């Protein structure tokens, strides 16, 4: 143990000695620049914290430090709004969408990456082109279709609509599958493995980092989504966080900016915790998925 530690220290000393004076200057300038970017990024978040702790219901403050600190906005958020209901709906929807997207994305990407069939070359490209059009351009068509089928104000119908946007994730997953050595597939084929066995027992266990990326992306995109939720989910007891938070600052609610800031902080907290727990696999998945596509 002591030998490995000393070797590591010697390697660090050699690396430090090998850095030239000009490179040290570039390194320190890069560090200062990165810290400046971090500080500038955190300033808006800090003002949200100030607004959440400000009992005067003001979203803007002339002071950089919170004055008259109070948790009244948080108390009002839990007692006088439907925040907890929206949190429950958003959590359920985001988990269902994440699981469904992983299943759809993984199976579709496996087909485009490892199987050979007619239309394979331009099939995924066609899906990507269709996916480039924003969802709000199709809101009228989506609402008309759901209305004719009697599915308006149904949470499971809203989940199905969100499951439709999987082309980009499928493209990422295909790039990751392409980076897996072909020798593994060939060995499985020689052993008589079926396509499902190749997918389930070989490809999928090796794709945990990219699966984690897909899950996290879907949690972010569906947790507080507003455009489709505001169109499909019309009952207050079925509203997600996006709809609930918009109601806090709409004219008919009196624009509760302090309560809105408190809700924004509490909404970002679960996603930040999930990102911290999955950071290792997210960075690995994004790096590996970008090497081949």
C-alpha atoms as a PDB file:
ATOM      1  CA  UNK A   1       0.000   0.000   0.000  1.00  0.00           C
ATOM      2  CA  UNK A   2       2.825   2.409   0.913  1.00  0.00           C
ATOM      3  CA  UNK A   3       4.645   1.535  -2.320  1.00  0.00           C
ATOM      4  CA  UNK A   4       1.623   2.367  -4.490  1.00  0.00           C
ATOM      5  CA  UNK A   5       1.105   5.665  -2.623  1.00  0.00           C
ATOM      6  CA  UNK A   6       4.746   6.673  -3.087  1.00  0.00           C
ATOM      7  CA  UNK A   7       4.608   5.784  -6.764  1.00  0.00           C
ATOM      8  CA  UNK A   8       1.527   7.898  -7.189  1.00  0.00           C
ATOM      9  CA  UNK A   9       3.162  10.857  -5.438  1.00  0.00           C
ATOM     10  CA  UNK A  10       6.267  10.509  -7.613  1.00  0.00           C
ATOM     11  CA  UNK A  11       4.102  10.491 -10.742  1.00  0.00           C
ATOM     12  CA  UNK A  12       2.337  13.684  -9.578  1.00  0.00           C
ATOM     13  CA  UNK A  13       5.674  15.398  -8.912  1.00  0.00           C
ATOM     14  CA  UNK A  14       6.959  14.467 -12.376  1.00  0.00           C
ATOM     15  CA  UNK A  15       3.774  15.754 -13.955  1.00  0.00           C
ATOM     16  CA  UNK A  16       4.057  19.066 -12.118  1.00  0.00           C
ATOM     17  CA  UNK A  17       7.704  19.440 -13.138  1.00  0.00           C
ATOM     18  CA  UNK A  18       6.842  18.713 -16.764  1.00  0.00           C
ATOM     19  CA  UNK A  19       4.429  21.674 -16.935  1.00  0.00           C
ATOM     20  CA  UNK A  20       6.152  24.643 -18.519  1.00  0.00           C
ATOM     21  CA  UNK A  21       5.690  28.235 -17.220  1.00  0.00           C
ATOM     22  CA  UNK A  22       3.546  29.232 -20.200  1.00  0.00           C
ATOM     23  CA  UNK A  23       1.297  26.223 -19.681  1.00  0.00           C
ATOM     24  CA  UNK A  24       0.905  27.137 -15.994  1.00  0.00           C
ATOM     25  CA  UNK A  25      -0.340  30.581 -16.991  1.00  0.00           C
ATOM     26  CA  UNK A  26      -2.868  29.078 -19.408  1.00  0.00           C
ATOM     27  CA  UNK A  27      -3.974  26.627 -16.707  1.00  0.00           C
ATOM     28  CA  UNK A  28      -4.576  29.372 -14.132  1.00  0.00           C
ATOM     29  CA  UNK A  29      -6.361  31.609 -16.632  1.00  0.00           C
ATOM     30  CA  UNK A  30      -8.634  28.676 -17.526  1.00  0.00           C
ATOM     31  CA  UNK A  31      -9.397  28.059 -13.860  1.00  0.00           C
ATOM     32  CA  UNK A  32     -10.234  31.700 -13.232  1.00  0.00           C
ATOM     33  CA  UNK A  33     -12.476  31.781 -16.314  1.00  0.00           C
ATOM     34  CA  UNK A  34     -14.300  28.623 -15.233  1.00  0.00           C
ATOM     35  CA  UNK A  35     -14.916  30.016 -11.745  1.00  0.00           C
ATOM     36  CA  UNK A  36     -16.206  33.279 -13.212  1.00  0.00           C
ATOM     37  CA  UNK A  37     -18.647  31.331 -15.394  1.00  0.00           C
ATOM     38  CA  UNK A  38     -19.795  29.314 -12.371  1.00  0.00           C
ATOM     39  CA  UNK A  39     -20.369  32.466 -10.315  1.00  0.00           C
ATOM     40  CA  UNK A  40     -22.310  34.176 -13.123  1.00  0.00           C
ATOM     41  CA  UNK A  41     -24.432  31.040 -13.502  1.00  0.00           C
ATOM     42  CA  UNK A  42     -25.206  30.864  -9.781  1.00  0.00           C
ATOM     43  CA  UNK A  43     -26.200  34.543  -9.418  1.00  0.00           C
ATOM     44  CA  UNK A  44     -29.741  34.074 -10.853  1.00  0.00           C
ATOM     45  CA  UNK A  45     -30.227  31.045  -8.599  1.00  0.00           C
ATOM     46  CA  UNK A  46     -29.155  33.117  -5.605  1.00  0.00           C
ATOM     47  CA  UNK A  47     -31.785  35.773  -6.384  1.00  0.00           C
ATOM     48  CA  UNK A  48     -34.398  33.003  -6.585  1.00  0.00           C
ATOM     49  CA  UNK A  49     -33.345  31.961  -3.069  1.00  0.00           C
ATOM     50  CA  UNK A  50     -33.692  35.566  -1.905  1.00  0.00           C
ATOM     51  CA  UNK A  51     -37.178  35.815  -3.444  1.00  0.00           C
ATOM     52  CA  UNK A  52     -38.224  32.532  -1.824  1.00  0.00           C
ATOM     53  CA  UNK A  53     -37.147  33.806   1.614  1.00  0.00           C
ATOM     54  CA  UNK A  54     -38.669  37.266   1.116  1.00  0.00           C
ATOM     55  CA  UNK A  55     -42.122  37.533   2.759  1.00  0.00           C
ATOM     56  CA  UNK A  56     -43.033  40.694   0.783  1.00  0.00           C
ATOM     57  CA  UNK A  57     -43.863  38.619  -2.344  1.00  0.00           C
ATOM     58  CA  UNK A  58     -41.304  40.491  -4.439  1.00  0.00           C
ATOM     59  CA  UNK A  59     -39.328  38.632  -7.088  1.00  0.00           C
ATOM     60  CA  UNK A  60     -36.670  41.340  -7.506  1.00  0.00           C
ATOM     61  CA  UNK A  61     -34.505  42.706  -4.720  1.00  0.00           C
ATOM     62  CA  UNK A  62     -32.087  45.632  -4.550  1.00  0.00           C
ATOM     63  CA  UNK A  63     -30.053  43.834  -1.881  1.00  0.00           C
ATOM     64  CA  UNK A  64     -27.659  41.019  -2.661  1.00  0.00           C
ATOM     65  CA  UNK A  65     -28.337  39.470   0.757  1.00  0.00           C
ATOM     66  CA  UNK A  66     -31.759  38.331   2.007  1.00  0.00           C
ATOM     67  CA  UNK A  67     -33.468  40.636   4.483  1.00  0.00           C
ATOM     68  CA  UNK A  68     -36.350  39.745   6.805  1.00  0.00           C
ATOM     69  CA  UNK A  69     -35.769  36.056   6.190  1.00  0.00           C
ATOM     70  CA  UNK A  70     -38.993  34.085   6.476  1.00  0.00           C
ATOM     71  CA  UNK A  71     -40.332  30.682   5.421  1.00  0.00           C
ATOM     72  CA  UNK A  72     -43.840  32.040   4.907  1.00  0.00           C
ATOM     73  CA  UNK A  73     -43.695  31.393   1.158  1.00  0.00           C
ATOM     74  CA  UNK A  74     -42.887  27.733   1.737  1.00  0.00           C
ATOM     75  CA  UNK A  75     -45.685  27.430   4.282  1.00  0.00           C
ATOM     76  CA  UNK A  76     -48.135  29.023   1.868  1.00  0.00           C
ATOM     77  CA  UNK A  77     -46.914  26.782  -0.934  1.00  0.00           C
ATOM     78  CA  UNK A  78     -47.756  23.625   1.025  1.00  0.00           C
ATOM     79  CA  UNK A  79     -51.002  24.813   2.651  1.00  0.00           C
ATOM     80  CA  UNK A  80     -52.709  27.049   0.071  1.00  0.00           C
ATOM     81  CA  UNK A  81     -51.667  25.584  -3.288  1.00  0.00           C
ATOM     82  CA  UNK A  82     -51.806  22.227  -5.064  1.00  0.00           C
ATOM     83  CA  UNK A  83     -48.015  21.923  -5.181  1.00  0.00           C
ATOM     84  CA  UNK A  84     -47.927  18.485  -3.529  1.00  0.00           C
ATOM     85  CA  UNK A  85     -50.543  17.192  -5.965  1.00  0.00           C
ATOM     86  CA  UNK A  86     -48.545  18.532  -8.895  1.00  0.00           C
ATOM     87  CA  UNK A  87     -45.383  16.991  -7.461  1.00  0.00           C
ATOM     88  CA  UNK A  88     -47.076  13.602  -7.211  1.00  0.00           C
ATOM     89  CA  UNK A  89     -48.399  13.802 -10.778  1.00  0.00           C
ATOM     90  CA  UNK A  90     -45.034  14.974 -12.161  1.00  0.00           C
ATOM     91  CA  UNK A  91     -43.136  12.245 -10.340  1.00  0.00           C
ATOM     92  CA  UNK A  92     -45.487   9.542 -11.608  1.00  0.00           C
ATOM     93  CA  UNK A  93     -45.479  10.851 -15.178  1.00  0.00           C
ATOM     94  CA  UNK A  94     -41.707  11.355 -15.351  1.00  0.00           C
ATOM     95  CA  UNK A  95     -40.942   7.874 -13.978  1.00  0.00           C
ATOM     96  CA  UNK A  96     -43.404   6.214 -16.381  1.00  0.00           C
ATOM     97  CA  UNK A  97     -42.069   8.202 -19.343  1.00  0.00           C
ATOM     98  CA  UNK A  98     -38.447   7.428 -18.405  1.00  0.00           C
ATOM     99  CA  UNK A  99     -39.117   3.686 -18.173  1.00  0.00           C
ATOM    100  CA  UNK A 100     -41.175   3.660 -21.371  1.00  0.00           C
ATOM    101  CA  UNK A 101     -38.598   5.675 -23.287  1.00  0.00           C
ATOM    102  CA  UNK A 102     -35.797   3.346 -22.197  1.00  0.00           C
ATOM    103  CA  UNK A 103     -37.733   0.339 -23.495  1.00  0.00           C
ATOM    104  CA  UNK A 104     -38.646   2.018 -26.788  1.00  0.00           C
ATOM    105  CA  UNK A 105     -35.245   3.602 -27.286  1.00  0.00           C
ATOM    106  CA  UNK A 106     -33.165   0.533 -26.450  1.00  0.00           C
ATOM    107  CA  UNK A 107     -35.139  -1.859 -28.645  1.00  0.00           C
ATOM    108  CA  UNK A 108     -35.339   0.594 -31.555  1.00  0.00           C
ATOM    109  CA  UNK A 109     -31.641   1.478 -31.349  1.00  0.00           C
ATOM    110  CA  UNK A 110     -30.710  -2.216 -31.254  1.00  0.00           C
ATOM    111  CA  UNK A 111     -32.693  -2.818 -34.431  1.00  0.00           C
ATOM    112  CA  UNK A 112     -31.066   0.122 -36.250  1.00  0.00           C
ATOM    113  CA  UNK A 113     -27.580  -0.769 -35.012  1.00  0.00           C
ATOM    114  CA  UNK A 114     -27.351  -4.561 -35.049  1.00  0.00           C
ATOM    115  CA  UNK A 115     -30.072  -5.845 -37.406  1.00  0.00           C
ATOM    116  CA  UNK A 116     -30.340  -5.587 -41.169  1.00  0.00           C
ATOM    117  CA  UNK A 117     -33.709  -4.764 -42.756  1.00  0.00           C
ATOM    118  CA  UNK A 118     -35.219  -2.708 -45.556  1.00  0.00           C
ATOM    119  CA  UNK A 119     -35.440   1.008 -44.714  1.00  0.00           C
ATOM    120  CA  UNK A 120     -32.810   0.820 -42.000  1.00  0.00           C
ATOM    121  CA  UNK A 121     -30.522   3.393 -43.627  1.00  0.00           C
ATOM    122  CA  UNK A 122     -33.035   6.234 -43.834  1.00  0.00           C
ATOM    123  CA  UNK A 123     -35.532   5.146 -41.193  1.00  0.00           C
ATOM    124  CA  UNK A 124     -33.848   6.760 -38.201  1.00  0.00           C
ATOM    125  CA  UNK A 125     -32.981   9.865 -40.213  1.00  0.00           C
ATOM    126  CA  UNK A 126     -36.658  10.246 -41.113  1.00  0.00           C
ATOM    127  CA  UNK A 127     -37.614   9.999 -37.446  1.00  0.00           C
ATOM    128  CA  UNK A 128     -35.057  12.678 -36.565  1.00  0.00           C
ATOM    129  CA  UNK A 129     -36.383  15.036 -39.251  1.00  0.00           C
ATOM    130  CA  UNK A 130     -39.919  14.594 -37.944  1.00  0.00           C
ATOM    131  CA  UNK A 131     -38.671  15.157 -34.381  1.00  0.00           C
ATOM    132  CA  UNK A 132     -37.165  18.519 -35.346  1.00  0.00           C
ATOM    133  CA  UNK A 133     -40.609  20.122 -35.419  1.00  0.00           C
ATOM    134  CA  UNK A 134     -41.505  21.467 -31.964  1.00  0.00           C
ATOM    135  CA  UNK A 135     -44.369  19.880 -30.058  1.00  0.00           C
ATOM    136  CA  UNK A 136     -46.356  23.102 -29.863  1.00  0.00           C
ATOM    137  CA  UNK A 137     -46.775  23.056 -33.660  1.00  0.00           C
ATOM    138  CA  UNK A 138     -48.757  19.834 -33.331  1.00  0.00           C
ATOM    139  CA  UNK A 139     -50.793  20.767 -30.243  1.00  0.00           C
ATOM    140  CA  UNK A 140     -53.960  21.411 -32.238  1.00  0.00           C
ATOM    141  CA  UNK A 141     -53.710  18.036 -33.986  1.00  0.00           C
ATOM    142  CA  UNK A 142     -52.891  16.221 -30.726  1.00  0.00           C
ATOM    143  CA  UNK A 143     -55.794  17.834 -28.902  1.00  0.00           C
ATOM    144  CA  UNK A 144     -58.218  17.120 -31.759  1.00  0.00           C
ATOM    145  CA  UNK A 145     -57.194  13.452 -31.868  1.00  0.00           C
ATOM    146  CA  UNK A 146     -57.460  13.018 -28.103  1.00  0.00           C
ATOM    147  CA  UNK A 147     -60.804  14.831 -28.041  1.00  0.00           C
ATOM    148  CA  UNK A 148     -62.300  12.525 -30.668  1.00  0.00           C
ATOM    149  CA  UNK A 149     -61.075   9.499 -28.722  1.00  0.00           C
ATOM    150  CA  UNK A 150     -62.355  10.895 -25.415  1.00  0.00           C
ATOM    151  CA  UNK A 151     -58.871  10.923 -23.894  1.00  0.00           C
ATOM    152  CA  UNK A 152     -58.596  14.582 -22.891  1.00  0.00           C
ATOM    153  CA  UNK A 153     -57.751  15.055 -19.201  1.00  0.00           C
ATOM    154  CA  UNK A 154     -56.355  11.527 -18.925  1.00  0.00           C
ATOM    155  CA  UNK A 155     -52.904  11.180 -17.365  1.00  0.00           C
ATOM    156  CA  UNK A 156     -52.100   7.938 -19.177  1.00  0.00           C
ATOM    157  CA  UNK A 157     -52.956   9.573 -22.517  1.00  0.00           C
ATOM    158  CA  UNK A 158     -50.575  12.414 -21.643  1.00  0.00           C
ATOM    159  CA  UNK A 159     -47.868   9.825 -20.918  1.00  0.00           C
ATOM    160  CA  UNK A 160     -48.424   8.173 -24.303  1.00  0.00           C
ATOM    161  CA  UNK A 161     -48.055  11.542 -26.048  1.00  0.00           C
ATOM    162  CA  UNK A 162     -44.746  12.176 -24.252  1.00  0.00           C
ATOM    163  CA  UNK A 163     -43.504   8.738 -25.260  1.00  0.00           C
ATOM    164  CA  UNK A 164     -43.732   9.780 -28.915  1.00  0.00           C
ATOM    165  CA  UNK A 165     -40.577  11.910 -28.827  1.00  0.00           C
ATOM    166  CA  UNK A 166     -37.871   9.243 -28.732  1.00  0.00           C
ATOM    167  CA  UNK A 167     -35.974   9.782 -31.999  1.00  0.00           C
ATOM    168  CA  UNK A 168     -33.117  11.828 -30.498  1.00  0.00           C
ATOM    169  CA  UNK A 169     -32.596   9.373 -27.630  1.00  0.00           C
ATOM    170  CA  UNK A 170     -32.692   6.515 -30.137  1.00  0.00           C
ATOM    171  CA  UNK A 171     -29.942   8.233 -32.128  1.00  0.00           C
ATOM    172  CA  UNK A 172     -27.777   8.541 -29.009  1.00  0.00           C
ATOM    173  CA  UNK A 173     -28.386   4.930 -28.059  1.00  0.00           C
ATOM    174  CA  UNK A 174     -27.588   3.718 -31.579  1.00  0.00           C
ATOM    175  CA  UNK A 175     -24.235   5.503 -31.435  1.00  0.00           C
ATOM    176  CA  UNK A 176     -23.482   3.747 -28.165  1.00  0.00           C
ATOM    177  CA  UNK A 177     -24.508   0.349 -29.548  1.00  0.00           C
ATOM    178  CA  UNK A 178     -22.267   0.948 -32.575  1.00  0.00           C
ATOM    179  CA  UNK A 179     -19.295   1.399 -30.223  1.00  0.00           C
ATOM    180  CA  UNK A 180     -19.785  -2.079 -28.721  1.00  0.00           C
ATOM    181  CA  UNK A 181     -17.348  -4.507 -30.421  1.00  0.00           C
ATOM    182  CA  UNK A 182     -18.900  -6.566 -33.206  1.00  0.00           C
ATOM    183  CA  UNK A 183     -16.951  -9.605 -32.011  1.00  0.00           C
ATOM    184  CA  UNK A 184     -19.388  -9.983 -29.115  1.00  0.00           C
ATOM    185  CA  UNK A 185     -22.308 -10.210 -31.549  1.00  0.00           C
ATOM    186  CA  UNK A 186     -20.463 -12.627 -33.784  1.00  0.00           C
ATOM    187  CA  UNK A 187     -19.554 -14.881 -30.865  1.00  0.00           C
ATOM    188  CA  UNK A 188     -23.182 -14.902 -29.706  1.00  0.00           C
ATOM    189  CA  UNK A 189     -24.382 -15.768 -33.209  1.00  0.00           C
ATOM    190  CA  UNK A 190     -21.904 -18.639 -33.412  1.00  0.00           C
ATOM    191  CA  UNK A 191     -23.211 -19.948 -30.080  1.00  0.00           C
ATOM    192  CA  UNK A 192     -26.738 -19.891 -31.489  1.00  0.00           C
ATOM    193  CA  UNK A 193     -28.099 -16.897 -29.570  1.00  0.00           C
ATOM    194  CA  UNK A 194     -31.276 -15.291 -30.852  1.00  0.00           C
ATOM    195  CA  UNK A 195     -31.649 -11.548 -31.461  1.00  0.00           C
ATOM    196  CA  UNK A 196     -33.472 -11.139 -28.158  1.00  0.00           C
ATOM    197  CA  UNK A 197     -30.748 -13.012 -26.266  1.00  0.00           C
ATOM    198  CA  UNK A 198     -28.082 -10.858 -27.866  1.00  0.00           C
ATOM    199  CA  UNK A 199     -29.992  -7.735 -26.881  1.00  0.00           C
ATOM    200  CA  UNK A 200     -30.949  -8.764 -23.344  1.00  0.00           C
ATOM    201  CA  UNK A 201     -27.851 -10.665 -22.198  1.00  0.00           C
ATOM    202  CA  UNK A 202     -25.014  -8.960 -24.077  1.00  0.00           C
ATOM    203  CA  UNK A 203     -25.854  -5.485 -25.407  1.00  0.00           C
ATOM    204  CA  UNK A 204     -28.123  -4.182 -22.651  1.00  0.00           C
ATOM    205  CA  UNK A 205     -25.826  -4.957 -19.665  1.00  0.00           C
ATOM    206  CA  UNK A 206     -23.009  -3.121 -21.447  1.00  0.00           C
ATOM    207  CA  UNK A 207     -25.204  -0.055 -22.034  1.00  0.00           C
ATOM    208  CA  UNK A 208     -25.961   0.974 -18.433  1.00  0.00           C
ATOM    209  CA  UNK A 209     -24.206   4.398 -18.755  1.00  0.00           C
ATOM    210  CA  UNK A 210     -26.205   5.383 -21.846  1.00  0.00           C
ATOM    211  CA  UNK A 211     -29.432   4.021 -20.342  1.00  0.00           C
ATOM    212  CA  UNK A 212     -28.772   6.265 -17.350  1.00  0.00           C
ATOM    213  CA  UNK A 213     -28.367   9.259 -19.688  1.00  0.00           C
ATOM    214  CA  UNK A 214     -31.694   8.477 -21.368  1.00  0.00           C
ATOM    215  CA  UNK A 215     -33.454   8.144 -18.025  1.00  0.00           C
ATOM    216  CA  UNK A 216     -32.067  11.442 -16.754  1.00  0.00           C
ATOM    217  CA  UNK A 217     -32.934  13.315 -19.959  1.00  0.00           C
ATOM    218  CA  UNK A 218     -36.497  12.060 -19.782  1.00  0.00           C
ATOM    219  CA  UNK A 219     -36.842  12.958 -16.107  1.00  0.00           C
ATOM    220  CA  UNK A 220     -35.743  16.506 -16.890  1.00  0.00           C
ATOM    221  CA  UNK A 221     -37.944  16.974 -19.951  1.00  0.00           C
ATOM    222  CA  UNK A 222     -41.147  15.542 -18.461  1.00  0.00           C
ATOM    223  CA  UNK A 223     -40.906  16.516 -14.788  1.00  0.00           C
ATOM    224  CA  UNK A 224     -42.237  20.060 -15.166  1.00  0.00           C
ATOM    225  CA  UNK A 225     -43.367  20.070 -18.819  1.00  0.00           C
ATOM    226  CA  UNK A 226     -46.068  22.690 -19.406  1.00  0.00           C
ATOM    227  CA  UNK A 227     -47.145  23.020 -23.056  1.00  0.00           C
ATOM    228  CA  UNK A 228     -48.670  19.567 -23.527  1.00  0.00           C
ATOM    229  CA  UNK A 229     -49.716  19.263 -19.885  1.00  0.00           C
ATOM    230  CA  UNK A 230     -51.597  22.563 -19.999  1.00  0.00           C
ATOM    231  CA  UNK A 231     -53.469  21.363 -23.092  1.00  0.00           C
ATOM    232  CA  UNK A 232     -54.266  17.771 -22.131  1.00  0.00           C
ATOM    233  CA  UNK A 233     -54.551  17.866 -18.323  1.00  0.00           C
ATOM    234  CA  UNK A 234     -57.390  20.256 -17.505  1.00  0.00           C
ATOM    235  CA  UNK A 235     -58.481  19.189 -14.002  1.00  0.00           C
ATOM    236  CA  UNK A 236     -56.691  20.820 -11.015  1.00  0.00           C
ATOM    237  CA  UNK A 237     -56.182  17.427  -9.348  1.00  0.00           C
ATOM    238  CA  UNK A 238     -54.384  16.142 -12.474  1.00  0.00           C
ATOM    239  CA  UNK A 239     -52.162  19.163 -13.105  1.00  0.00           C
ATOM    240  CA  UNK A 240     -48.411  18.623 -13.047  1.00  0.00           C
ATOM    241  CA  UNK A 241     -45.799  20.985 -11.607  1.00  0.00           C
ATOM    242  CA  UNK A 242     -45.554  23.051 -14.794  1.00  0.00           C
ATOM    243  CA  UNK A 243     -49.267  23.866 -14.734  1.00  0.00           C
ATOM    244  CA  UNK A 244     -49.307  24.455 -10.970  1.00  0.00           C
ATOM    245  CA  UNK A 245     -46.333  26.828 -11.092  1.00  0.00           C
ATOM    246  CA  UNK A 246     -47.786  28.762 -14.016  1.00  0.00           C
ATOM    247  CA  UNK A 247     -50.973  29.246 -11.995  1.00  0.00           C
ATOM    248  CA  UNK A 248     -48.924  30.938  -9.266  1.00  0.00           C
ATOM    249  CA  UNK A 249     -47.857  33.788 -11.543  1.00  0.00           C
ATOM    250  CA  UNK A 250     -50.925  34.098 -13.773  1.00  0.00           C
ATOM    251  CA  UNK A 251     -53.075  37.179 -13.441  1.00  0.00           C
ATOM    252  CA  UNK A 252     -56.050  35.393 -11.935  1.00  0.00           C
ATOM    253  CA  UNK A 253     -53.894  34.090  -9.071  1.00  0.00           C
ATOM    254  CA  UNK A 254     -52.431  37.470  -8.115  1.00  0.00           C
ATOM    255  CA  UNK A 255     -48.869  36.640  -9.216  1.00  0.00           C
ATOM    256  CA  UNK A 256     -47.415  34.948  -6.149  1.00  0.00           C
ATOM    257  CA  UNK A 257     -43.756  35.506  -7.054  1.00  0.00           C
ATOM    258  CA  UNK A 258     -42.389  34.539  -3.657  1.00  0.00           C
ATOM    259  CA  UNK A 259     -44.349  31.308  -3.610  1.00  0.00           C
ATOM    260  CA  UNK A 260     -43.289  30.679  -7.220  1.00  0.00           C
ATOM    261  CA  UNK A 261     -39.616  31.071  -6.247  1.00  0.00           C
ATOM    262  CA  UNK A 262     -40.080  28.620  -3.377  1.00  0.00           C
ATOM    263  CA  UNK A 263     -41.727  26.141  -5.737  1.00  0.00           C
ATOM    264  CA  UNK A 264     -38.891  26.572  -8.243  1.00  0.00           C
ATOM    265  CA  UNK A 265     -36.295  25.708  -5.605  1.00  0.00           C
ATOM    266  CA  UNK A 266     -38.185  22.656  -4.420  1.00  0.00           C
ATOM    267  CA  UNK A 267     -38.776  21.521  -8.010  1.00  0.00           C
ATOM    268  CA  UNK A 268     -35.080  21.699  -8.870  1.00  0.00           C
ATOM    269  CA  UNK A 269     -34.004  19.823  -5.738  1.00  0.00           C
ATOM    270  CA  UNK A 270     -35.090  16.271  -6.776  1.00  0.00           C
ATOM    271  CA  UNK A 271     -33.460  16.602 -10.204  1.00  0.00           C
ATOM    272  CA  UNK A 272     -30.248  17.905  -8.633  1.00  0.00           C
ATOM    273  CA  UNK A 273     -30.169  14.939  -6.245  1.00  0.00           C
ATOM    274  CA  UNK A 274     -30.765  12.479  -9.089  1.00  0.00           C
ATOM    275  CA  UNK A 275     -28.012  14.118 -11.144  1.00  0.00           C
ATOM    276  CA  UNK A 276     -25.592  13.864  -8.231  1.00  0.00           C
ATOM    277  CA  UNK A 277     -26.348  10.175  -7.787  1.00  0.00           C
ATOM    278  CA  UNK A 278     -26.110   9.362 -11.505  1.00  0.00           C
ATOM    279  CA  UNK A 279     -23.301  11.761 -12.461  1.00  0.00           C
ATOM    280  CA  UNK A 280     -20.708   9.003 -12.924  1.00  0.00           C
ATOM    281  CA  UNK A 281     -22.818   7.050 -15.407  1.00  0.00           C
ATOM    282  CA  UNK A 282     -24.115  10.182 -17.160  1.00  0.00           C
ATOM    283  CA  UNK A 283     -20.611  11.459 -17.968  1.00  0.00           C
ATOM    284  CA  UNK A 284     -19.494   7.997 -19.091  1.00  0.00           C
ATOM    285  CA  UNK A 285     -22.558   7.506 -21.292  1.00  0.00           C
ATOM    286  CA  UNK A 286     -22.316  10.886 -23.009  1.00  0.00           C
ATOM    287  CA  UNK A 287     -18.594  10.476 -23.701  1.00  0.00           C
ATOM    288  CA  UNK A 288     -18.889   6.932 -25.022  1.00  0.00           C
ATOM    289  CA  UNK A 289     -21.979   7.697 -27.077  1.00  0.00           C
ATOM    290  CA  UNK A 290     -20.197  10.569 -28.818  1.00  0.00           C
ATOM    291  CA  UNK A 291     -17.250   8.531 -30.041  1.00  0.00           C
ATOM    292  CA  UNK A 292     -19.176   6.703 -32.722  1.00  0.00           C
ATOM    293  CA  UNK A 293     -22.440   7.553 -34.400  1.00  0.00           C
END
